[in-house]
C-alpha atoms as a PDB file:
ATOM      1  CA  UNK A   1      74.700 105.609  91.770  1.00  0.00           C
ATOM      2  CA  UNK A   2      75.577 107.642  95.223  1.00  0.00           C
ATOM      3  CA  UNK A   3      78.685 108.294  97.137  1.00  0.00           C
ATOM      4  CA  UNK A   4      78.173 105.097  99.031  1.00  0.00           C
ATOM      5  CA  UNK A   5      78.570 102.590  96.166  1.00  0.00           C
ATOM      6  CA  UNK A   6      81.770 101.504  94.695  1.00  0.00           C
ATOM      7  CA  UNK A   7      81.283  99.040  91.831  1.00  0.00           C
ATOM      8  CA  UNK A   8      84.349  97.054  90.765  1.00  0.00           C
ATOM      9  CA  UNK A   9      84.225  95.586  87.283  1.00  0.00           C
ATOM     10  CA  UNK A  10      86.508  92.756  86.236  1.00  0.00           C
ATOM     11  CA  UNK A  11      87.851  92.235  82.949  1.00  0.00           C
ATOM     12  CA  UNK A  12      89.497  90.241  80.785  1.00  0.00           C
ATOM     13  CA  UNK A  13      89.633  87.839  77.974  1.00  0.00           C
ATOM     14  CA  UNK A  14      87.466  84.620  77.523  1.00  0.00           C
ATOM     15  CA  UNK A  15      89.124  81.995  80.221  1.00  0.00           C
ATOM     16  CA  UNK A  16      91.609  84.129  81.729  1.00  0.00           C
ATOM     17  CA  UNK A  17      90.570  83.649  84.856  1.00  0.00           C
ATOM     18  CA  UNK A  18      87.953  86.871  85.527  1.00  0.00           C
ATOM     19  CA  UNK A  19      85.454  84.776  87.423  1.00  0.00           C
ATOM     20  CA  UNK A  20      88.224  82.903  89.932  1.00  0.00           C
ATOM     21  CA  UNK A  21      89.428  86.404  90.478  1.00  0.00           C
ATOM     22  CA  UNK A  22      86.026  87.913  91.150  1.00  0.00           C
ATOM     23  CA  UNK A  23      85.314  84.939  93.599  1.00  0.00           C
ATOM     24  CA  UNK A  24      88.512  85.599  95.587  1.00  0.00           C
ATOM     25  CA  UNK A  25      87.726  89.460  95.540  1.00  0.00           C
ATOM     26  CA  UNK A  26      84.709  88.438  96.948  1.00  0.00           C
ATOM     27  CA  UNK A  27      85.678  86.442  99.474  1.00  0.00           C
ATOM     28  CA  UNK A  28      88.231  88.704 100.786  1.00  0.00           C
ATOM     29  CA  UNK A  29      85.949  91.314 101.270  1.00  0.00           C
ATOM     30  CA  UNK A  30      83.321  89.531 102.920  1.00  0.00           C
ATOM     31  CA  UNK A  31      86.045  87.808 105.491  1.00  0.00           C
ATOM     32  CA  UNK A  32      87.317  91.666 106.034  1.00  0.00           C
ATOM     33  CA  UNK A  33      83.376  92.290 107.073  1.00  0.00           C
ATOM     34  CA  UNK A  34      82.387  94.286 103.781  1.00  0.00           C
ATOM     35  CA  UNK A  35      78.816  94.302 102.631  1.00  0.00           C
ATOM     36  CA  UNK A  36      79.361  92.807  98.931  1.00  0.00           C
ATOM     37  CA  UNK A  37      77.205  92.308  96.419  1.00  0.00           C
ATOM     38  CA  UNK A  38      77.647  89.889  93.570  1.00  0.00           C
ATOM     39  CA  UNK A  39      76.226  90.663  90.490  1.00  0.00           C
ATOM     40  CA  UNK A  40      76.122  87.076  88.480  1.00  0.00           C
ATOM     41  CA  UNK A  41      76.590  86.833  84.528  1.00  0.00           C
ATOM     42  CA  UNK A  42      74.463  84.571  82.458  1.00  0.00           C
ATOM     43  CA  UNK A  43      77.087  81.652  83.251  1.00  0.00           C
ATOM     44  CA  UNK A  44      75.614  80.803  86.494  1.00  0.00           C
ATOM     45  CA  UNK A  45      71.996  80.341  88.032  1.00  0.00           C
ATOM     46  CA  UNK A  46      72.651  81.578  91.405  1.00  0.00           C
ATOM     47  CA  UNK A  47      75.742  82.593  93.580  1.00  0.00           C
ATOM     48  CA  UNK A  48      75.831  79.297  95.600  1.00  0.00           C
ATOM     49  CA  UNK A  49      76.069  77.246  92.296  1.00  0.00           C
ATOM     50  CA  UNK A  50      79.166  80.206  91.786  1.00  0.00           C
ATOM     51  CA  UNK A  51      80.714  79.707  94.642  1.00  0.00           C
ATOM     52  CA  UNK A  52      80.504  76.051  94.528  1.00  0.00           C
ATOM     53  CA  UNK A  53      82.217  76.281  91.204  1.00  0.00           C
ATOM     54  CA  UNK A  54      84.931  78.452  92.073  1.00  0.00           C
ATOM     55  CA  UNK A  55      85.473  76.729  95.498  1.00  0.00           C
ATOM     56  CA  UNK A  56      87.372  73.677  93.389  1.00  0.00           C
ATOM     57  CA  UNK A  57      90.951  73.426  93.736  1.00  0.00           C
ATOM     58  CA  UNK A  58      90.771  77.155  95.242  1.00  0.00           C
ATOM     59  CA  UNK A  59      94.110  76.648  96.635  1.00  0.00           C
ATOM     60  CA  UNK A  60      95.995  75.370  93.974  1.00  0.00           C
ATOM     61  CA  UNK A  61      94.288  78.105  91.834  1.00  0.00           C
ATOM     62  CA  UNK A  62      95.752  81.245  94.441  1.00  0.00           C
ATOM     63  CA  UNK A  63      99.197  79.579  93.513  1.00  0.00           C
ATOM     64  CA  UNK A  64      98.676  79.667  90.038  1.00  0.00           C
ATOM     65  CA  UNK A  65      97.682  82.753  89.554  1.00  0.00           C
ATOM     66  CA  UNK A  66     100.117  84.813  91.740  1.00  0.00           C
ATOM     67  CA  UNK A  67     102.537  82.814  89.408  1.00  0.00           C
ATOM     68  CA  UNK A  68     101.095  83.466  86.309  1.00  0.00           C
ATOM     69  CA  UNK A  69      98.440  86.364  86.336  1.00  0.00           C
ATOM     70  CA  UNK A  70      99.455  90.202  86.291  1.00  0.00           C
ATOM     71  CA  UNK A  71      96.509  92.531  87.479  1.00  0.00           C
ATOM     72  CA  UNK A  72      96.469  96.080  86.956  1.00  0.00           C
ATOM     73  CA  UNK A  73      94.765  98.352  88.926  1.00  0.00           C
ATOM     74  CA  UNK A  74      93.149 101.595  87.905  1.00  0.00           C
ATOM     75  CA  UNK A  75      90.728 104.342  88.893  1.00  0.00           C
ATOM     76  CA  UNK A  76      87.607 105.954  86.936  1.00  0.00           C
ATOM     77  CA  UNK A  77      85.766 108.761  88.623  1.00  0.00           C
ATOM     78  CA  UNK A  78      82.157 108.874  87.021  1.00  0.00           C
ATOM     79  CA  UNK A  79      79.972 111.901  86.461  1.00  0.00           C
ATOM     80  CA  UNK A  80      79.384 113.477  90.110  1.00  0.00           C
ATOM     81  CA  UNK A  81      76.146 115.069  88.832  1.00  0.00           C
ATOM     82  CA  UNK A  82      73.509 113.104  90.194  1.00  0.00           C
ATOM     83  CA  UNK A  83      70.374 113.090  88.013  1.00  0.00           C
END
């Protein structure tokens, strides 16, 4: 990893909304012109399949998330020594 990379990991218990939050964050960042690489997990075969699944009822999900989810943001600095 170099200084030009930022890795964002979304964590939570099963069925807590991790994939939906990833979709929301990815969508917002891409809309703002950021270069975003999506590392898929084993639940989806490709990003198109992931997006199609996540887009279902997205406006309702936005509202549900706003009303029910608590989001904690924190920073973690990695070792700056490049090997």
